Amino acid sequence: RVGEDGRIYIADGMPTDMTVELARSLMEEAGVHFYAPIYNTVNADSRFVYVISGKGMNGSILLPERKTCENVFNGEKYENVTEIPVVLKAGNGAFIKYI
């Protein structure tokens, strides 16, 4: 439903087989934009981007502007980039620090 504040609300009050995949697809249909693939978490600010993967990830971190960065976890450095490839096994993470 659309609330008084203009937001779209989705509620499931019945016991169902709601999955993360189904909930995410419903939210996408409602106009929610996700910044990470399913089962992955991203934290970021003006100094770093941190990704932790719940079930594995093979993708990229896209930066809003060119930066020189280092993955603190493995020491890889990226010079003057806007995209950083990230391949993670389930439960692993990447901590990209801007330098």
C-alpha atoms as a PDB file:
ATOM      1  CA  ARG A   1       0.000   0.000   0.000  1.00  0.00           C
ATOM      2  CA  VAL A   2       1.037   3.636  -0.373  1.00  0.00           C
ATOM      3  CA  GLY A   3       1.281   5.383   2.987  1.00  0.00           C
ATOM      4  CA  GLU A   4       0.407   8.965   3.827  1.00  0.00           C
ATOM      5  CA  ASP A   5       4.096   9.803   3.473  1.00  0.00           C
ATOM      6  CA  GLY A   6       4.080   8.614  -0.164  1.00  0.00           C
ATOM      7  CA  ARG A   7       6.191   5.544   0.569  1.00  0.00           C
ATOM      8  CA  ILE A   8       5.188   2.101  -0.669  1.00  0.00           C
ATOM      9  CA  TYR A   9       4.715  -0.450   2.107  1.00  0.00           C
ATOM     10  CA  ILE A  10       4.714  -4.219   1.603  1.00  0.00           C
ATOM     11  CA  ALA A  11       3.478  -6.374   4.490  1.00  0.00           C
ATOM     12  CA  ASP A  12       3.097 -10.124   4.739  1.00  0.00           C
ATOM     13  CA  GLY A  13       0.900 -10.972   7.722  1.00  0.00           C
ATOM     14  CA  MET A  14       0.172 -14.561   6.744  1.00  0.00           C
ATOM     15  CA  PRO A  15       2.518 -17.470   7.414  1.00  0.00           C
ATOM     16  CA  THR A  16       4.100 -18.100   4.024  1.00  0.00           C
ATOM     17  CA  ASP A  17       7.197 -19.430   2.382  1.00  0.00           C
ATOM     18  CA  MET A  18       8.577 -15.888   1.938  1.00  0.00           C
ATOM     19  CA  THR A  19      12.185 -16.107   0.817  1.00  0.00           C
ATOM     20  CA  VAL A  20      14.846 -13.443   0.631  1.00  0.00           C
ATOM     21  CA  GLU A  21      14.660 -13.698  -3.158  1.00  0.00           C
ATOM     22  CA  LEU A  22      10.878 -13.146  -3.197  1.00  0.00           C
ATOM     23  CA  ALA A  23      11.043 -10.277  -0.693  1.00  0.00           C
ATOM     24  CA  ARG A  24      13.790  -8.605  -2.720  1.00  0.00           C
ATOM     25  CA  SER A  25      11.845  -8.967  -5.987  1.00  0.00           C
ATOM     26  CA  LEU A  26       8.765  -7.420  -4.336  1.00  0.00           C
ATOM     27  CA  MET A  27      10.858  -4.527  -3.061  1.00  0.00           C
ATOM     28  CA  GLU A  28      12.421  -4.024  -6.505  1.00  0.00           C
ATOM     29  CA  GLU A  29       8.915  -3.876  -7.996  1.00  0.00           C
ATOM     30  CA  ALA A  30       8.066  -1.241  -5.381  1.00  0.00           C
ATOM     31  CA  GLY A  31      10.985   0.884  -6.607  1.00  0.00           C
ATOM     32  CA  VAL A  32      13.620   0.080  -3.995  1.00  0.00           C
ATOM     33  CA  HIS A  33      17.186   0.424  -5.341  1.00  0.00           C
ATOM     34  CA  PHE A  34      19.723  -2.041  -3.974  1.00  0.00           C
ATOM     35  CA  TYR A  35      23.401  -1.175  -3.900  1.00  0.00           C
ATOM     36  CA  ALA A  36      24.639  -4.750  -3.508  1.00  0.00           C
ATOM     37  CA  PRO A  37      23.826  -8.184  -4.908  1.00  0.00           C
ATOM     38  CA  ILE A  38      21.589 -10.374  -2.783  1.00  0.00           C
ATOM     39  CA  TYR A  39      23.240 -11.813   0.365  1.00  0.00           C
ATOM     40  CA  ASN A  40      25.961  -9.144   0.375  1.00  0.00           C
ATOM     41  CA  THR A  41      26.331  -6.162   2.689  1.00  0.00           C
ATOM     42  CA  VAL A  42      28.057  -2.881   1.850  1.00  0.00           C
ATOM     43  CA  ASN A  43      29.157  -0.147   4.242  1.00  0.00           C
ATOM     44  CA  ALA A  44      30.831   2.963   2.883  1.00  0.00           C
ATOM     45  CA  ASP A  45      31.736   6.532   3.655  1.00  0.00           C
ATOM     46  CA  SER A  46      34.226   9.104   2.360  1.00  0.00           C
ATOM     47  CA  ARG A  47      37.203   6.983   3.505  1.00  0.00           C
ATOM     48  CA  PHE A  48      36.388   3.364   2.657  1.00  0.00           C
ATOM     49  CA  VAL A  49      34.070   0.732   1.178  1.00  0.00           C
ATOM     50  CA  TYR A  50      33.562  -2.516   3.090  1.00  0.00           C
ATOM     51  CA  VAL A  51      31.815  -5.519   1.536  1.00  0.00           C
ATOM     52  CA  ILE A  52      30.987  -8.777   3.286  1.00  0.00           C
ATOM     53  CA  SER A  53      29.584 -11.656   1.299  1.00  0.00           C
ATOM     54  CA  GLY A  54      26.946 -13.988   2.681  1.00  0.00           C
ATOM     55  CA  LYS A  55      26.930 -16.542  -0.158  1.00  0.00           C
ATOM     56  CA  GLY A  56      29.801 -15.474  -2.388  1.00  0.00           C
ATOM     57  CA  MET A  57      30.228 -12.575  -4.781  1.00  0.00           C
ATOM     58  CA  ASN A  58      31.699 -12.135  -8.232  1.00  0.00           C
ATOM     59  CA  GLY A  59      31.244  -8.508  -9.197  1.00  0.00           C
ATOM     60  CA  SER A  60      32.611  -5.006  -8.879  1.00  0.00           C
ATOM     61  CA  ILE A  61      32.605  -2.061  -6.530  1.00  0.00           C
ATOM     62  CA  LEU A  62      31.750   1.065  -8.496  1.00  0.00           C
ATOM     63  CA  LEU A  63      33.145   4.317  -7.128  1.00  0.00           C
ATOM     64  CA  PRO A  64      31.505   7.710  -7.775  1.00  0.00           C
ATOM     65  CA  GLU A  65      34.822   9.232  -8.859  1.00  0.00           C
ATOM     66  CA  ARG A  66      38.372   8.145  -9.620  1.00  0.00           C
ATOM     67  CA  LYS A  67      40.269   7.101  -6.525  1.00  0.00           C
ATOM     68  CA  THR A  68      43.455   5.343  -5.550  1.00  0.00           C
ATOM     69  CA  CYS A  69      42.590   2.541  -3.147  1.00  0.00           C
ATOM     70  CA  GLU A  70      43.982  -0.412  -1.277  1.00  0.00           C
ATOM     71  CA  ASN A  71      42.231  -3.605  -0.188  1.00  0.00           C
ATOM     72  CA  VAL A  72      43.414  -3.747   3.403  1.00  0.00           C
ATOM     73  CA  PHE A  73      42.621  -7.470   3.669  1.00  0.00           C
ATOM     74  CA  ASN A  74      44.880  -8.634   0.829  1.00  0.00           C
ATOM     75  CA  GLY A  75      47.133  -5.638   0.092  1.00  0.00           C
ATOM     76  CA  GLU A  76      45.996  -5.178  -3.538  1.00  0.00           C
ATOM     77  CA  LYS A  77      46.284  -1.588  -4.748  1.00  0.00           C
ATOM     78  CA  TYR A  78      44.189   0.127  -7.402  1.00  0.00           C
ATOM     79  CA  GLU A  79      45.476   3.335  -8.988  1.00  0.00           C
ATOM     80  CA  ASN A  80      43.090   6.028 -10.226  1.00  0.00           C
ATOM     81  CA  VAL A  81      40.077   3.714 -10.712  1.00  0.00           C
ATOM     82  CA  THR A  82      36.289   3.960 -10.685  1.00  0.00           C
ATOM     83  CA  GLU A  83      35.730   0.187 -10.613  1.00  0.00           C
ATOM     84  CA  ILE A  84      37.291  -2.496  -8.427  1.00  0.00           C
ATOM     85  CA  PRO A  85      36.714  -6.181  -9.244  1.00  0.00           C
ATOM     86  CA  VAL A  86      35.673  -8.230  -6.217  1.00  0.00           C
ATOM     87  CA  VAL A  87      35.502 -12.025  -6.012  1.00  0.00           C
ATOM     88  CA  LEU A  88      34.611 -13.338  -2.562  1.00  0.00           C
ATOM     89  CA  LYS A  89      33.781 -16.706  -1.072  1.00  0.00           C
ATOM     90  CA  ALA A  90      30.844 -16.954   1.326  1.00  0.00           C
ATOM     91  CA  GLY A  91      31.626 -15.230   4.608  1.00  0.00           C
ATOM     92  CA  ASN A  92      34.626 -13.320   3.255  1.00  0.00           C
ATOM     93  CA  GLY A  93      34.990  -9.587   2.876  1.00  0.00           C
ATOM     94  CA  ALA A  94      36.879  -6.796   1.177  1.00  0.00           C
ATOM     95  CA  PHE A  95      37.902  -3.571   2.923  1.00  0.00           C
ATOM     96  CA  ILE A  96      38.797  -0.949   0.320  1.00  0.00           C
ATOM     97  CA  LYS A  97      40.493   2.090   1.861  1.00  0.00           C
ATOM     98  CA  TYR A  98      40.899   5.306  -0.134  1.00  0.00           C
ATOM     99  CA  ILE A  99      44.520   6.510  -0.155  1.00  0.00           C
END
